[in-house]
Amino acid sequence: MQILHTLSDNLRKTKKGQKVLILFIFSILTVVGILVLRNIGHSGVTYWDEGFHAIVARNLTKHPLKFTLYDQPWLPYTYKNWTENHIWLHKPPVAM
């Protein structure tokens, strides 16, 4: 961390260093912006872990404090068996 701090101090002391630093920061922000915005308008939820959490969060808006992956269970379930339960118990409520 000290090396990075010393390098940025040295770059800020000269006009050319300031231009290089500004160009570097602008390049990083541009690349990050492109990576973040590349999926804009994508309406489908993929089968990644985040997709399932998004569905549970959407269902939380319909019925708060009831974490469900599906609104209505498709198959009968036993509420005592947490692995086959209707309620989503993967993450605690604060994480949602």
Protein backbone atom coordinates (compact mmCIF):
# COMPACT_ATOMS: atom_id res chain seq x y z
CA MET A 1 0.00 0.00 0.00
CA GLN A 2 2.91 2.33 0.75
CA ILE A 3 4.29 1.75 -2.75
CA LEU A 4 0.97 2.72 -4.33
CA HIS A 5 0.77 5.84 -2.17
CA THR A 6 4.36 6.85 -3.08
CA LEU A 7 3.69 6.22 -6.77
CA SER A 8 0.55 8.35 -6.78
CA ASP A 9 2.39 11.14 -4.91
CA ASN A 10 5.18 11.09 -7.51
CA LEU A 11 2.68 11.13 -10.40
CA ARG A 12 0.80 14.10 -8.96
CA LYS A 13 3.94 16.27 -8.73
CA THR A 14 4.43 16.68 -12.49
CA LYS A 15 2.05 17.81 -15.23
CA LYS A 16 2.76 14.68 -17.27
CA GLY A 17 2.19 12.52 -14.20
CA GLN A 18 -1.14 14.21 -13.56
CA LYS A 19 -2.24 13.50 -17.13
CA VAL A 20 -1.17 9.85 -16.81
CA LEU A 21 -3.03 9.52 -13.52
CA ILE A 22 -6.19 11.09 -14.95
CA LEU A 23 -6.00 8.86 -18.04
CA PHE A 24 -5.51 5.79 -15.86
CA ILE A 25 -8.49 6.62 -13.64
CA PHE A 26 -10.65 7.44 -16.67
CA SER A 27 -9.66 4.12 -18.28
CA ILE A 28 -10.59 2.15 -15.18
CA LEU A 29 -13.94 3.94 -14.86
CA THR A 30 -14.69 3.37 -18.55
CA VAL A 31 -13.95 -0.36 -18.37
CA VAL A 32 -16.00 -0.74 -15.18
CA GLY A 33 -18.88 1.20 -16.74
CA ILE A 34 -18.86 -1.03 -19.81
CA LEU A 35 -18.80 -4.19 -17.70
CA VAL A 36 -21.65 -2.99 -15.50
CA LEU A 37 -23.85 -1.69 -18.30
CA ARG A 38 -23.38 -4.55 -20.77
CA ASN A 39 -26.43 -6.40 -19.45
CA ILE A 40 -28.73 -3.42 -19.24
CA GLY A 41 -32.17 -4.29 -20.49
CA HIS A 42 -31.65 -7.99 -19.83
CA SER A 43 -34.99 -9.15 -18.46
CA GLY A 44 -34.30 -12.83 -17.86
CA VAL A 45 -32.99 -14.25 -14.62
CA THR A 46 -30.25 -16.82 -15.21
CA TYR A 47 -29.72 -20.03 -13.27
CA TRP A 48 -26.93 -18.60 -11.15
CA ASP A 49 -27.14 -18.37 -7.39
CA GLU A 50 -27.86 -14.63 -7.61
CA GLY A 51 -30.84 -15.36 -9.83
CA PHE A 52 -32.48 -17.48 -7.16
CA HIS A 53 -31.83 -14.80 -4.54
CA ALA A 54 -33.42 -12.22 -6.83
CA ILE A 55 -36.56 -14.36 -7.14
CA VAL A 56 -36.76 -14.75 -3.36
CA ALA A 57 -36.30 -11.00 -2.91
CA ARG A 58 -39.06 -10.34 -5.47
CA ASN A 59 -41.37 -12.71 -3.58
CA LEU A 60 -40.53 -10.86 -0.38
CA THR A 61 -42.21 -7.78 -1.86
CA LYS A 62 -45.41 -9.80 -2.30
CA HIS A 63 -45.44 -11.24 1.23
CA PRO A 64 -42.89 -9.68 3.61
CA LEU A 65 -41.06 -11.91 6.11
CA LYS A 66 -41.98 -15.07 4.19
CA PHE A 67 -38.98 -16.18 2.14
CA THR A 68 -40.23 -18.34 -0.72
CA LEU A 69 -38.69 -19.42 -3.99
CA TYR A 70 -42.12 -20.31 -5.38
CA ASP A 71 -45.32 -18.62 -4.28
CA GLN A 72 -47.32 -21.83 -4.37
CA PRO A 73 -45.53 -25.15 -3.73
CA TRP A 74 -45.82 -27.58 -6.62
CA LEU A 75 -45.39 -30.72 -4.55
CA PRO A 76 -46.52 -31.62 -1.05
CA TYR A 77 -43.91 -30.86 1.60
CA THR A 78 -43.27 -31.49 5.27
CA TYR A 79 -42.64 -28.31 7.22
CA LYS A 80 -40.43 -30.20 9.71
CA ASN A 81 -37.89 -31.17 7.04
CA TRP A 82 -35.97 -27.98 6.22
CA THR A 83 -34.38 -29.42 3.07
CA GLU A 84 -37.79 -30.00 1.46
CA ASN A 85 -39.63 -27.06 2.97
CA HIS A 86 -41.54 -24.36 1.11
CA ILE A 87 -39.71 -21.56 2.95
CA TRP A 88 -36.31 -20.49 1.59
CA LEU A 89 -33.68 -20.89 4.33
CA HIS A 90 -30.47 -20.36 2.38
CA LYS A 91 -29.56 -16.93 3.77
CA PRO A 92 -30.60 -14.96 6.83
CA PRO A 93 -33.10 -12.08 6.35
CA VAL A 94 -30.45 -9.36 6.75
CA ALA A 95 -28.57 -10.69 3.71
CA MET A 96 -31.66 -10.33 1.54
